[in-house]
Amino acid sequence: MYIDSLTITAFVVFAIAMVMFIKKCIINGCMMSRDNKTGIKDDVEPGGEQ
C-alpha cells in the first residue's frame, strides 16, 4: 500500500490537533469543575444574607 507524503502529513496534523483538543478539554474540564464549586459557594452566600 502506497501512502504519499501529503497523506502522512495530514495524519500527523490530525493527530496533533486531536491531542491538543483532548488536552484543552481536560484542562477546561478541571477548571470548570473548580469554577462550579466556587460558583456554588458564591451563590449560597448571597442567599444566606437575604
PDB file of N, CA and C in Angstrom:
ATOM      1  N   MET A   1       0.846  -1.183   0.000  1.00  0.00           N
ATOM      2  CA  MET A   1       0.000   0.000   0.000  1.00  0.00           C
ATOM      3  C   MET A   1       0.888   1.241   0.000  1.00  0.00           C
ATOM      4  N   TYR A   2       0.652   2.113  -0.941  1.00  0.00           N
ATOM      5  CA  TYR A   2       1.466   3.315  -1.087  1.00  0.00           C
ATOM      6  C   TYR A   2       0.773   4.490  -0.404  1.00  0.00           C
ATOM      7  N   ILE A   3       1.510   5.167   0.477  1.00  0.00           N
ATOM      8  CA  ILE A   3       0.988   6.365   1.148  1.00  0.00           C
ATOM      9  C   ILE A   3       1.924   7.513   0.802  1.00  0.00           C
ATOM     10  N   ASP A   4       1.391   8.541   0.187  1.00  0.00           N
ATOM     11  CA  ASP A   4       2.233   9.674  -0.196  1.00  0.00           C
ATOM     12  C   ASP A   4       2.481  10.604   0.993  1.00  0.00           C
ATOM     13  N   SER A   5       3.391  11.536   0.812  1.00  0.00           N
ATOM     14  CA  SER A   5       3.797  12.422   1.904  1.00  0.00           C
ATOM     15  C   SER A   5       2.662  13.338   2.351  1.00  0.00           C
ATOM     16  N   LEU A   6       1.768  13.713   1.453  1.00  0.00           N
ATOM     17  CA  LEU A   6       0.646  14.577   1.825  1.00  0.00           C
ATOM     18  C   LEU A   6      -0.303  13.850   2.779  1.00  0.00           C
ATOM     19  N   THR A   7      -0.536  12.573   2.535  1.00  0.00           N
ATOM     20  CA  THR A   7      -1.395  11.781   3.430  1.00  0.00           C
ATOM     21  C   THR A   7      -0.750  11.636   4.802  1.00  0.00           C
ATOM     22  N   ILE A   8       0.546  11.378   4.829  1.00  0.00           N
ATOM     23  CA  ILE A   8       1.263  11.254   6.106  1.00  0.00           C
ATOM     24  C   ILE A   8       1.196  12.580   6.862  1.00  0.00           C
ATOM     25  N   THR A   9       1.397  13.670   6.169  1.00  0.00           N
ATOM     26  CA  THR A   9       1.329  14.996   6.794  1.00  0.00           C
ATOM     27  C   THR A   9      -0.069  15.256   7.355  1.00  0.00           C
ATOM     28  N   ALA A  10      -1.081  14.868   6.607  1.00  0.00           N
ATOM     29  CA  ALA A  10      -2.454  15.056   7.076  1.00  0.00           C
ATOM     30  C   ALA A  10      -2.716  14.245   8.342  1.00  0.00           C
ATOM     31  N   PHE A  11      -2.227  13.012   8.393  1.00  0.00           N
ATOM     32  CA  PHE A  11      -2.387  12.184   9.588  1.00  0.00           C
ATOM     33  C   PHE A  11      -1.658  12.793  10.783  1.00  0.00           C
ATOM     34  N   VAL A  12      -0.454  13.298  10.564  1.00  0.00           N
ATOM     35  CA  VAL A  12       0.318  13.904  11.649  1.00  0.00           C
ATOM     36  C   VAL A  12      -0.388  15.151  12.179  1.00  0.00           C
ATOM     37  N   VAL A  13      -0.862  16.000  11.271  1.00  0.00           N
ATOM     38  CA  VAL A  13      -1.570  17.213  11.685  1.00  0.00           C
ATOM     39  C   VAL A  13      -2.855  16.847  12.434  1.00  0.00           C
ATOM     40  N   PHE A  14      -3.560  15.840  11.949  1.00  0.00           N
ATOM     41  CA  PHE A  14      -4.786  15.395  12.611  1.00  0.00           C
ATOM     42  C   PHE A  14      -4.483  14.874  14.012  1.00  0.00           C
ATOM     43  N   ALA A  15      -3.421  14.088  14.152  1.00  0.00           N
ATOM     44  CA  ALA A  15      -3.061  13.538  15.460  1.00  0.00           C
ATOM     45  C   ALA A  15      -2.691  14.654  16.436  1.00  0.00           C
ATOM     46  N   ILE A  16      -1.915  15.629  15.966  1.00  0.00           N
ATOM     47  CA  ILE A  16      -1.533  16.754  16.830  1.00  0.00           C
ATOM     48  C   ILE A  16      -2.761  17.556  17.245  1.00  0.00           C
ATOM     49  N   ALA A  17      -3.679  17.773  16.295  1.00  0.00           N
ATOM     50  CA  ALA A  17      -4.901  18.521  16.609  1.00  0.00           C
ATOM     51  C   ALA A  17      -5.749  17.774  17.635  1.00  0.00           C
ATOM     52  N   MET A  18      -5.840  16.451  17.505  1.00  0.00           N
ATOM     53  CA  MET A  18      -6.631  15.669  18.466  1.00  0.00           C
ATOM     54  C   MET A  18      -6.010  15.734  19.858  1.00  0.00           C
ATOM     55  N   VAL A  19      -4.691  15.626  19.946  1.00  0.00           N
ATOM     56  CA  VAL A  19      -4.021  15.696  21.249  1.00  0.00           C
ATOM     57  C   VAL A  19      -4.249  17.058  21.883  1.00  0.00           C
ATOM     58  N   MET A  20      -4.122  18.118  21.105  1.00  0.00           N
ATOM     59  CA  MET A  20      -4.343  19.465  21.647  1.00  0.00           C
ATOM     60  C   MET A  20      -5.791  19.654  22.082  1.00  0.00           C
ATOM     61  N   PHE A  21      -6.734  19.118  21.311  1.00  0.00           N
ATOM     62  CA  PHE A  21      -8.150  19.224  21.661  1.00  0.00           C
ATOM     63  C   PHE A  21      -8.447  18.484  22.956  1.00  0.00           C
ATOM     64  N   ILE A  22      -7.906  17.282  23.097  1.00  0.00           N
ATOM     65  CA  ILE A  22      -8.145  16.490  24.308  1.00  0.00           C
ATOM     66  C   ILE A  22      -7.521  17.179  25.518  1.00  0.00           C
ATOM     67  N   LYS A  23      -6.294  17.696  25.371  1.00  0.00           N
ATOM     68  CA  LYS A  23      -5.667  18.423  26.479  1.00  0.00           C
ATOM     69  C   LYS A  23      -6.505  19.628  26.879  1.00  0.00           C
ATOM     70  N   LYS A  24      -6.992  20.379  25.885  1.00  0.00           N
ATOM     71  CA  LYS A  24      -7.795  21.562  26.172  1.00  0.00           C
ATOM     72  C   LYS A  24      -9.079  21.172  26.896  1.00  0.00           C
ATOM     73  N   CYS A  25      -9.706  20.084  26.482  1.00  0.00           N
ATOM     74  CA  CYS A  25     -10.933  19.641  27.141  1.00  0.00           C
ATOM     75  C   CYS A  25     -10.661  19.210  28.576  1.00  0.00           C
ATOM     76  N   ILE A  26      -9.554  18.517  28.793  1.00  0.00           N
ATOM     77  CA  ILE A  26      -9.224  18.079  30.150  1.00  0.00           C
ATOM     78  C   ILE A  26      -8.938  19.289  31.032  1.00  0.00           C
ATOM     79  N   ILE A  27      -8.162  20.241  30.510  1.00  0.00           N
ATOM     80  CA  ILE A  27      -7.834  21.442  31.296  1.00  0.00           C
ATOM     81  C   ILE A  27      -9.096  22.248  31.558  1.00  0.00           C
ATOM     82  N   ASN A  28      -9.927  22.445  30.547  1.00  0.00           N
ATOM     83  CA  ASN A  28     -11.169  23.203  30.731  1.00  0.00           C
ATOM     84  C   ASN A  28     -12.123  22.456  31.641  1.00  0.00           C
ATOM     85  N   GLY A  29     -12.143  21.132  31.574  1.00  0.00           N
ATOM     86  CA  GLY A  29     -12.997  20.338  32.450  1.00  0.00           C
ATOM     87  C   GLY A  29     -12.595  20.517  33.896  1.00  0.00           C
ATOM     88  N   CYS A  30     -11.300  20.494  34.148  1.00  0.00           N
ATOM     89  CA  CYS A  30     -10.823  20.693  35.518  1.00  0.00           C
ATOM     90  C   CYS A  30     -11.116  22.107  35.988  1.00  0.00           C
ATOM     91  N   MET A  31     -10.903  23.079  35.131  1.00  0.00           N
ATOM     92  CA  MET A  31     -11.158  24.463  35.507  1.00  0.00           C
ATOM     93  C   MET A  31     -12.650  24.703  35.703  1.00  0.00           C
ATOM     94  N   MET A  32     -13.481  24.097  34.872  1.00  0.00           N
ATOM     95  CA  MET A  32     -14.925  24.274  35.006  1.00  0.00           C
ATOM     96  C   MET A  32     -15.410  23.680  36.317  1.00  0.00           C
ATOM     97  N   SER A  33     -14.892  22.505  36.712  1.00  0.00           N
ATOM     98  CA  SER A  33     -15.342  21.901  37.959  1.00  0.00           C
ATOM     99  C   SER A  33     -14.926  22.770  39.144  1.00  0.00           C
ATOM    100  N   ARG A  34     -13.751  23.381  39.084  1.00  0.00           N
ATOM    101  CA  ARG A  34     -13.335  24.282  40.157  1.00  0.00           C
ATOM    102  C   ARG A  34     -14.199  25.534  40.169  1.00  0.00           C
ATOM    103  N   ASP A  35     -14.503  26.069  38.977  1.00  0.00           N
ATOM    104  CA  ASP A  35     -15.354  27.255  38.897  1.00  0.00           C
ATOM    105  C   ASP A  35     -16.756  26.950  39.403  1.00  0.00           C
ATOM    106  N   ASN A  36     -17.272  25.772  39.106  1.00  0.00           N
ATOM    107  CA  ASN A  36     -18.609  25.404  39.572  1.00  0.00           C
ATOM    108  C   ASN A  36     -18.631  25.303  41.095  1.00  0.00           C
ATOM    109  N   LYS A  37     -17.572  24.754  41.678  1.00  0.00           N
ATOM    110  CA  LYS A  37     -17.528  24.648  43.135  1.00  0.00           C
ATOM    111  C   LYS A  37     -17.507  26.035  43.770  1.00  0.00           C
ATOM    112  N   THR A  38     -16.694  26.933  43.234  1.00  0.00           N
ATOM    113  CA  THR A  38     -16.648  28.284  43.792  1.00  0.00           C
ATOM    114  C   THR A  38     -17.936  29.029  43.470  1.00  0.00           C
ATOM    115  N   GLY A  39     -18.516  28.739  42.303  1.00  0.00           N
ATOM    116  CA  GLY A  39     -19.762  29.384  41.917  1.00  0.00           C
ATOM    117  C   GLY A  39     -20.891  29.001  42.856  1.00  0.00           C
ATOM    118  N   ILE A  40     -20.921  27.759  43.286  1.00  0.00           N
ATOM    119  CA  ILE A  40     -21.961  27.305  44.206  1.00  0.00           C
ATOM    120  C   ILE A  40     -21.785  27.997  45.560  1.00  0.00           C
ATOM    121  N   LYS A  41     -20.530  28.113  46.010  1.00  0.00           N
ATOM    122  CA  LYS A  41     -20.283  28.804  47.277  1.00  0.00           C
ATOM    123  C   LYS A  41     -20.722  30.261  47.184  1.00  0.00           C
ATOM    124  N   ASP A  42     -20.423  30.903  46.049  1.00  0.00           N
ATOM    125  CA  ASP A  42     -20.818  32.298  45.874  1.00  0.00           C
ATOM    126  C   ASP A  42     -22.335  32.441  45.833  1.00  0.00           C
ATOM    127  N   ASP A  43     -23.016  31.462  45.248  1.00  0.00           N
ATOM    128  CA  ASP A  43     -24.474  31.519  45.178  1.00  0.00           C
ATOM    129  C   ASP A  43     -25.101  31.336  46.561  1.00  0.00           C
ATOM    130  N   VAL A  44     -24.475  30.534  47.403  1.00  0.00           N
ATOM    131  CA  VAL A  44     -25.034  30.272  48.726  1.00  0.00           C
ATOM    132  C   VAL A  44     -24.894  31.498  49.623  1.00  0.00           C
ATOM    133  N   GLU A  45     -23.768  32.188  49.550  1.00  0.00           N
ATOM    134  CA  GLU A  45     -23.523  33.335  50.441  1.00  0.00           C
ATOM    135  C   GLU A  45     -24.559  34.453  50.260  1.00  0.00           C
ATOM    136  N   PRO A  46     -24.859  34.893  49.007  1.00  0.00           N
ATOM    137  CA  PRO A  46     -25.885  35.931  48.887  1.00  0.00           C
ATOM    138  C   PRO A  46     -27.248  35.450  49.345  1.00  0.00           C
ATOM    139  N   GLY A  47     -27.555  34.171  49.148  1.00  0.00           N
ATOM    140  CA  GLY A  47     -28.846  33.634  49.586  1.00  0.00           C
ATOM    141  C   GLY A  47     -28.966  33.673  51.102  1.00  0.00           C
ATOM    142  N   GLY A  48     -27.850  33.431  51.805  1.00  0.00           N
ATOM    143  CA  GLY A  48     -27.849  33.451  53.266  1.00  0.00           C
ATOM    144  C   GLY A  48     -27.993  34.859  53.806  1.00  0.00           C
ATOM    145  N   GLU A  49     -27.494  35.844  53.069  1.00  0.00           N
ATOM    146  CA  GLU A  49     -27.550  37.231  53.545  1.00  0.00           C
ATOM    147  C   GLU A  49     -28.977  37.777  53.458  1.00  0.00           C
ATOM    148  N   GLN A  50     -29.738  37.299  52.501  1.00  0.00           N
ATOM    149  CA  GLN A  50     -31.102  37.818  52.337  1.00  0.00           C
ATOM    150  C   GLN A  50     -31.923  37.237  53.422  1.00  0.00           C
TER     151      GLN A  50
END
